[in-house]
């Protein structure tokens, strides 16, 4: 399906085709007049006829065919350049470039034929006068139009002021065009600035820009901190608060009761409520067990099922069951848990991500 950019490019291509057709008509007309003038020069007439016949109709046919091919290509394209595929973009660009080259070539020959039909009057150069080079002629023209616009020496008497300072006289030269038009541009910029900031109120002043940028930075900072909070592993995991433990209990009820029973007394899996542990009882050990599992002992890895924060919540709940010693618990397995470090275990606020020491 064509998008608006493709329609625009195709419209420009068709307009250039029309321009080529018009220029070819003008070129044919001028060449016929030149041939009539140069009837005695048969070679010139043959060259002009071959040239005009070769540059007009084939150029249009090739351009139209190229445009048609480009349209066919665009129909099945995938968006890369403004909704166009790479192939469509470069095909249309090539077509437009060829059309422009054809137009410039035709304009060049039209200008030459026009000069043949309308020759410039012959200027009589004074004896000893030197003709200026093409570079100097071009520079003088640009200098008069855009840079200094200084009056010729022959016309200085017409622009001379009455002021006379010790024999030094002043010429009333025009302002340099580049300076004058630059000044006009500053006026338009000032008007636009006033309208934008004082009338339409669509622009932000420096204070508003600062406030907006600070708000954006705050959002980015919060997003970064949130991502860091989610980036929990077995080295950085900490014990959560009551809210985090409650969330872990919900996860435990959904996924762990089949092996460890609803109250953690154990079943297929070990008892989680006594003072013994097979693979360690620190929050880091429990998190690691949940994350990677122990496949050889029937404990699966849960890292593909839970997010890091969910595994932290589940580990915190399991840690809270230690030494609760529920009735009818499974026989102890593993090693006796050492409680020396348990008293100073930090607790993380699950709602704010902050860590607070236990009391």
Protein backbone atom coordinates (compact mmCIF):
# COMPACT_ATOMS: atom_id res chain seq x y z
CA UNK A 1 0.00 0.00 0.00
CA UNK A 2 1.44 3.39 -1.03
CA UNK A 3 1.98 6.04 1.64
CA UNK A 4 1.86 9.79 1.19
CA UNK A 5 5.62 10.08 0.59
CA UNK A 6 5.44 7.61 -2.29
CA UNK A 7 2.49 9.50 -3.78
CA UNK A 8 4.44 12.74 -3.49
CA UNK A 9 7.57 11.32 -5.13
CA UNK A 10 5.54 9.78 -7.96
CA UNK A 11 3.71 13.08 -8.49
CA UNK A 12 7.04 14.91 -8.74
CA UNK A 13 8.29 12.29 -11.20
CA UNK A 14 5.20 12.77 -13.39
CA UNK A 15 5.58 16.56 -13.25
CA UNK A 16 9.17 16.20 -14.41
CA UNK A 17 7.97 13.99 -17.27
CA UNK A 18 5.58 16.77 -18.29
CA UNK A 19 8.42 19.30 -18.05
CA UNK A 20 10.62 17.10 -20.25
CA UNK A 21 7.82 16.85 -22.81
CA UNK A 22 7.39 20.64 -22.90
CA UNK A 23 11.12 21.25 -23.15
CA UNK A 24 11.39 18.73 -25.97
CA UNK A 25 8.70 20.63 -27.86
CA UNK A 26 10.57 23.90 -27.36
CA UNK A 27 13.83 22.25 -28.39
CA UNK A 28 12.29 20.88 -31.58
CA UNK A 29 10.79 24.25 -32.46
CA UNK A 30 14.07 26.11 -31.92
CA UNK A 31 16.07 23.51 -33.82
CA UNK A 32 13.74 23.84 -36.81
CA UNK A 33 14.26 27.60 -36.84
CA UNK A 34 18.02 27.17 -36.59
CA UNK A 35 17.93 24.66 -39.45
CA UNK A 36 15.99 27.15 -41.57
CA UNK A 37 18.60 29.81 -40.88
CA UNK A 38 21.47 27.41 -41.53
CA UNK A 39 20.07 25.78 -44.68
CA UNK A 40 23.37 26.19 -46.38
CA UNK A 41 25.07 24.20 -43.61
CA UNK A 42 23.57 20.72 -44.12
CA UNK A 43 25.84 19.13 -41.50
CA UNK A 44 24.45 21.41 -38.81
CA UNK A 45 20.89 20.60 -39.81
CA UNK A 46 21.52 16.83 -39.66
CA UNK A 47 23.16 17.07 -36.23
CA UNK A 48 20.31 19.15 -34.82
CA UNK A 49 17.66 16.80 -36.20
CA UNK A 50 19.34 13.70 -34.80
CA UNK A 51 19.91 15.37 -31.44
CA UNK A 52 16.35 16.61 -30.97
CA UNK A 53 14.83 13.31 -32.08
CA UNK A 54 17.10 11.37 -29.73
CA UNK A 55 16.69 13.55 -26.65
CA UNK A 56 12.93 14.07 -26.78
CA UNK A 57 10.95 10.90 -27.36
CA UNK A 58 13.39 8.28 -25.96
CA UNK A 59 13.93 10.37 -22.85
CA UNK A 60 10.21 10.57 -22.21
CA UNK A 61 9.67 6.89 -22.94
CA UNK A 62 12.52 5.81 -20.71
CA UNK A 63 11.41 8.11 -17.95
CA UNK A 64 7.81 6.95 -18.11
CA UNK A 65 8.92 3.32 -18.12
CA UNK A 66 11.20 3.94 -15.17
CA UNK A 67 8.36 5.64 -13.31
CA UNK A 68 6.05 2.72 -14.07
CA UNK A 69 8.67 0.25 -12.88
CA UNK A 70 9.18 2.29 -9.73
CA UNK A 71 5.43 2.23 -9.09
CA UNK A 72 5.42 -1.55 -9.43
CA UNK A 73 8.32 -1.88 -7.02
CA UNK A 74 6.73 0.41 -4.44
CA UNK A 75 3.56 -1.66 -4.36
CA UNK A 76 5.32 -4.61 -2.75
CA UNK A 77 7.80 -2.76 -0.54
CA UNK A 78 8.54 -2.93 3.12
CA UNK A 79 9.02 0.33 5.02
CA UNK A 80 12.58 1.48 5.54
CA UNK A 81 12.87 5.05 4.20
CA UNK A 82 9.80 7.07 5.14
CA UNK A 83 7.52 4.10 4.50
CA UNK A 84 9.43 2.88 1.42
CA UNK A 85 11.70 -0.10 1.08
CA UNK A 86 15.35 0.41 0.28
CA UNK A 87 14.82 -0.80 -3.30
CA UNK A 88 11.84 1.51 -3.89
CA UNK A 89 13.61 4.49 -2.36
CA UNK A 90 16.74 4.18 -4.47
CA UNK A 91 14.75 3.33 -7.62
CA UNK A 92 12.62 6.46 -7.31
CA UNK A 93 15.67 8.54 -6.40
CA UNK A 94 17.46 7.29 -9.53
CA UNK A 95 14.42 8.10 -11.68
CA UNK A 96 14.22 11.64 -10.31
CA UNK A 97 17.97 12.14 -10.78
CA UNK A 98 17.80 10.97 -14.41
CA UNK A 99 14.85 13.27 -15.08
CA UNK A 100 16.73 16.24 -13.63
CA UNK A 101 19.82 15.44 -15.71
CA UNK A 102 17.68 15.24 -18.86
CA UNK A 103 16.03 18.58 -18.03
CA UNK A 104 19.37 20.32 -17.42
CA UNK A 105 20.81 18.95 -20.67
CA UNK A 106 17.78 20.09 -22.63
CA UNK A 107 17.92 23.55 -21.03
CA UNK A 108 21.59 23.77 -21.95
CA UNK A 109 20.86 23.07 -25.63
CA UNK A 110 17.82 25.35 -25.63
CA UNK A 111 20.00 28.17 -24.33
CA UNK A 112 22.60 27.56 -27.06
CA UNK A 113 19.96 27.47 -29.79
CA UNK A 114 18.41 30.63 -28.43
CA UNK A 115 21.78 32.38 -28.60
CA UNK A 116 22.11 31.28 -32.20
CA UNK A 117 18.71 32.77 -33.02
CA UNK A 118 19.29 35.92 -30.94
CA UNK A 119 23.00 36.75 -31.08
CA UNK A 120 24.27 39.33 -28.61
CA UNK A 121 25.35 42.67 -30.10
CA UNK A 122 29.04 42.91 -30.81
CA UNK A 123 30.81 45.22 -28.39
CA UNK A 124 33.59 47.36 -29.73
CA UNK A 125 36.51 47.06 -27.37
CA UNK A 126 38.74 50.08 -27.13
CA UNK A 127 42.23 49.62 -28.30
CA UNK A 128 44.44 48.40 -25.49
CA UNK A 129 41.49 47.41 -23.29
CA UNK A 130 41.67 44.01 -21.66
CA UNK A 131 38.68 41.69 -21.46
CA UNK A 132 37.95 40.26 -18.03
CA UNK A 133 38.14 36.54 -17.43
CA UNK A 134 35.01 34.50 -16.75
CA UNK A 135 35.96 34.23 -13.09
CA UNK A 136 36.37 37.97 -12.65
CA UNK A 137 33.15 38.69 -14.53
CA UNK A 138 31.23 36.29 -12.28
CA UNK A 139 32.84 37.73 -9.16
CA UNK A 140 32.02 41.30 -10.15
CA UNK A 141 28.41 40.32 -10.77
CA UNK A 142 28.12 38.62 -7.38
CA UNK A 143 29.90 41.51 -5.70
CA UNK A 144 27.41 44.02 -7.07
CA UNK A 145 24.37 41.91 -6.19
CA UNK A 146 25.23 40.38 -2.82
CA UNK A 147 28.39 41.80 -1.24
CA UNK A 148 29.25 45.48 -1.68
CA UNK A 149 26.90 46.85 -4.35
CA UNK A 150 29.43 49.63 -4.76
CA UNK A 151 28.86 52.19 -7.49
CA UNK A 152 31.30 52.18 -10.42
CA UNK A 153 34.06 54.75 -10.35
CA UNK A 154 32.46 56.54 -13.29
CA UNK A 155 29.30 57.15 -11.20
CA UNK A 156 30.94 58.30 -7.97
CA UNK A 157 30.20 61.93 -8.77
CA UNK A 158 26.47 61.14 -8.70
CA UNK A 159 26.55 59.72 -5.16
CA UNK A 160 29.11 62.09 -3.63
CA UNK A 161 27.86 63.97 -0.55
CA UNK A 162 28.54 67.60 0.27
CA UNK A 163 30.65 66.70 3.29
CA UNK A 164 34.30 67.59 2.93
CA UNK A 165 36.81 66.78 5.64
CA UNK A 166 40.20 68.21 4.77
CA UNK A 167 39.75 67.13 1.19
CA UNK A 168 38.28 63.76 2.11
CA UNK A 169 34.82 63.35 0.63
CA UNK A 170 32.10 60.83 1.45
CA UNK A 171 30.20 58.62 -1.00
CA UNK A 172 26.58 57.69 -0.35
CA UNK A 173 27.08 54.01 -1.17
CA UNK A 174 24.22 51.59 -0.57
CA UNK A 175 24.36 49.23 2.36
CA UNK A 176 25.99 45.87 1.55
CA UNK A 177 23.14 43.55 0.51
CA UNK A 178 24.31 40.72 2.78
CA UNK A 179 24.19 43.06 5.78
CA UNK A 180 20.84 44.59 4.81
CA UNK A 181 19.10 41.28 4.21
CA UNK A 182 20.67 39.82 7.33
CA UNK A 183 19.16 42.72 9.27
CA UNK A 184 15.76 42.00 7.70
CA UNK A 185 16.06 38.38 8.76
CA UNK A 186 16.73 39.40 12.39
CA UNK A 187 13.54 41.50 12.30
CA UNK A 188 11.48 38.50 11.14
CA UNK A 189 13.14 36.30 13.76
CA UNK A 190 12.33 38.83 16.48
CA UNK A 191 8.68 39.02 15.37
CA UNK A 192 8.42 35.24 15.29
CA UNK A 193 10.06 35.03 18.73
CA UNK A 194 7.56 37.48 20.23
CA UNK A 195 4.62 35.65 18.68
CA UNK A 196 5.89 32.23 19.76
CA UNK A 197 6.70 33.10 23.38
CA UNK A 198 4.41 36.04 24.19
CA UNK A 199 1.33 35.60 21.98
CA UNK A 200 0.95 31.91 21.08
CA UNK A 201 2.78 30.66 24.20
CA UNK A 202 4.02 27.61 22.31
CA UNK A 203 7.64 27.95 23.40
CA UNK A 204 9.31 27.40 26.77
CA UNK A 205 11.49 29.97 28.49
CA UNK A 206 14.73 28.84 30.19
CA UNK A 207 12.98 28.32 33.55
CA UNK A 208 10.29 26.14 31.97
CA UNK A 209 12.92 24.20 30.02
CA UNK A 210 14.83 23.59 33.26
CA UNK A 211 11.68 22.41 35.06
CA UNK A 212 10.74 20.11 32.19
CA UNK A 213 14.23 18.62 31.94
CA UNK A 214 14.37 18.05 35.70
CA UNK A 215 10.99 16.27 35.58
CA UNK A 216 12.21 14.09 32.72
CA UNK A 217 15.40 13.33 34.64
CA UNK A 218 13.34 12.37 37.70
CA UNK A 219 11.27 9.93 35.63
CA UNK A 220 14.44 8.42 34.16
CA UNK A 221 16.00 8.14 37.63
CA UNK A 222 12.93 6.41 39.04
CA UNK A 223 12.88 4.02 36.10
CA UNK A 224 16.55 3.26 36.65
CA UNK A 225 16.06 2.65 40.37
CA UNK A 226 13.06 0.44 39.61
CA UNK A 227 15.15 -1.60 37.19
CA UNK A 228 17.89 -1.91 39.80
CA UNK A 229 15.30 -3.06 42.33
CA UNK A 230 14.19 -5.76 39.92
CA UNK A 231 17.80 -6.74 39.27
CA UNK A 232 18.10 -8.94 42.35
CA UNK A 233 20.46 -11.92 42.41
CA UNK A 234 21.84 -14.35 44.98
CA UNK A 235 24.55 -11.85 45.95
CA UNK A 236 22.39 -8.75 46.44
CA UNK A 237 19.18 -10.32 47.78
CA UNK A 238 17.99 -9.17 51.22
CA UNK A 239 15.20 -10.14 53.57
CA UNK A 240 11.94 -8.31 52.82
CA UNK A 241 9.49 -6.78 55.27
CA UNK A 242 6.07 -8.12 56.24
CA UNK A 243 4.46 -7.00 52.98
CA UNK A 244 7.11 -8.76 50.93
CA UNK A 245 6.78 -11.91 53.05
CA UNK A 246 3.00 -11.86 52.53
CA UNK A 247 3.52 -11.70 48.77
CA UNK A 248 5.95 -14.60 49.06
CA UNK A 249 3.34 -16.62 50.97
CA UNK A 250 0.91 -16.17 48.07
CA UNK A 251 3.52 -17.49 45.64
CA UNK A 252 4.33 -20.37 48.00
CA UNK A 253 0.67 -21.37 48.21
CA UNK A 254 0.39 -21.46 44.42
CA UNK A 255 3.57 -23.37 43.61
CA UNK A 256 5.25 -25.01 46.61
CA UNK A 257 2.60 -26.75 48.71
CA UNK A 258 2.66 -29.90 46.56
CA UNK A 259 6.18 -30.76 47.76
CA UNK A 260 6.52 -28.88 51.05
CA UNK A 261 2.89 -28.91 52.36
CA UNK A 262 0.80 -25.78 53.03
CA UNK A 263 2.51 -24.96 56.34
CA UNK A 264 6.05 -25.92 55.25
CA UNK A 265 6.09 -29.14 57.26
CA UNK A 266 7.51 -31.04 54.30
CA UNK A 267 6.34 -33.87 52.08
CA UNK A 268 8.23 -34.92 49.01
CA UNK A 269 10.49 -31.98 49.82
CA UNK A 270 12.22 -31.30 53.15
CA UNK A 271 10.72 -29.69 56.24
CA UNK A 272 11.13 -25.89 56.02
CA UNK A 273 10.14 -25.14 59.61
CA UNK A 274 12.91 -26.85 61.60
CA UNK A 275 16.49 -25.80 62.35
CA UNK A 276 18.10 -27.91 59.66
CA UNK A 277 18.92 -27.14 56.02
CA UNK A 278 20.35 -29.22 53.20
CA UNK A 279 21.78 -26.38 51.10
CA UNK A 280 22.06 -23.55 53.61
CA UNK A 281 19.45 -21.37 55.32
CA UNK A 282 20.63 -17.80 54.68
CA UNK A 283 18.45 -15.62 52.47
CA UNK A 284 21.14 -15.89 49.78
CA UNK A 285 21.19 -19.70 50.01
CA UNK A 286 17.40 -19.97 49.80
CA UNK A 287 17.24 -17.53 46.87
CA UNK A 288 19.91 -19.53 45.03
CA UNK A 289 18.03 -22.78 45.66
CA UNK A 290 14.80 -21.31 44.30
CA UNK A 291 16.52 -19.73 41.31
CA UNK A 292 18.70 -22.61 40.11
CA UNK A 293 17.05 -25.55 41.87
CA UNK A 294 18.62 -28.93 42.61
CA UNK A 295 17.44 -31.13 39.72
CA UNK A 296 19.24 -34.20 41.05
CA UNK A 297 17.12 -33.97 44.22
CA UNK A 298 13.83 -33.15 42.55
CA UNK A 299 13.95 -29.37 43.09
CA UNK A 300 13.34 -27.55 39.82
CA UNK A 301 14.79 -24.16 38.84
CA UNK A 302 12.21 -21.35 39.06
CA UNK A 303 14.15 -18.51 37.41
CA UNK A 304 12.16 -18.92 34.18
CA UNK A 305 8.85 -18.81 36.08
CA UNK A 306 9.41 -15.97 38.54
CA UNK A 307 10.93 -12.53 38.28
CA UNK A 308 13.89 -11.71 40.55
CA UNK A 309 11.67 -9.74 42.94
CA UNK A 310 9.18 -12.65 43.11
CA UNK A 311 11.99 -15.06 43.95
CA UNK A 312 13.12 -12.61 46.65
CA UNK A 313 9.58 -12.56 48.09
CA UNK A 314 9.38 -16.35 48.04
CA UNK A 315 12.83 -16.71 49.63
CA UNK A 316 11.85 -14.23 52.36
CA UNK A 317 8.72 -16.24 53.17
CA UNK A 318 10.65 -19.52 53.29
CA UNK A 319 13.24 -17.84 55.53
CA UNK A 320 10.44 -16.70 57.86
CA UNK A 321 9.37 -20.35 58.34
CA UNK A 322 12.73 -21.41 59.78
CA UNK A 323 12.57 -22.54 63.42
CA UNK A 324 8.76 -22.30 63.61
CA UNK A 325 8.68 -26.08 64.15
CA UNK A 326 5.11 -26.88 63.14
CA UNK A 327 3.52 -30.06 64.44
CA UNK A 328 3.83 -33.26 62.42
CA UNK A 329 6.82 -31.88 60.54
CA UNK A 330 8.97 -34.14 58.45
CA UNK A 331 12.14 -35.51 60.04
CA UNK A 332 15.10 -33.16 59.97
CA UNK A 333 17.41 -33.29 56.95
CA UNK A 334 20.74 -31.63 56.35
CA UNK A 335 22.87 -29.65 58.78
CA UNK A 336 21.96 -27.67 61.86
CA UNK A 337 21.42 -23.98 61.10
CA UNK A 338 23.74 -21.53 62.83
CA UNK A 339 21.82 -18.53 64.10
CA UNK A 340 24.71 -16.15 64.77
CA UNK A 341 24.11 -13.99 61.69
CA UNK A 342 20.35 -14.27 61.75
CA UNK A 343 19.83 -11.65 64.46
CA UNK A 344 21.52 -8.90 62.44
CA UNK A 345 19.87 -9.81 59.14
CA UNK A 346 18.82 -6.62 57.28
CA UNK A 347 15.22 -6.24 56.18
CA UNK A 348 14.29 -4.59 52.87
CA UNK A 349 11.11 -2.55 52.53
CA UNK A 350 9.21 -4.27 49.72
CA UNK A 351 7.16 -1.15 48.98
CA UNK A 352 10.05 1.33 48.72
CA UNK A 353 13.04 -0.83 47.96
CA UNK A 354 14.92 0.57 50.98
CA UNK A 355 16.78 -1.58 53.49
CA UNK A 356 16.10 -1.12 57.19
CA UNK A 357 17.88 -2.91 60.02
CA UNK A 358 15.86 -5.28 62.14
CA UNK A 359 15.19 -4.50 65.74
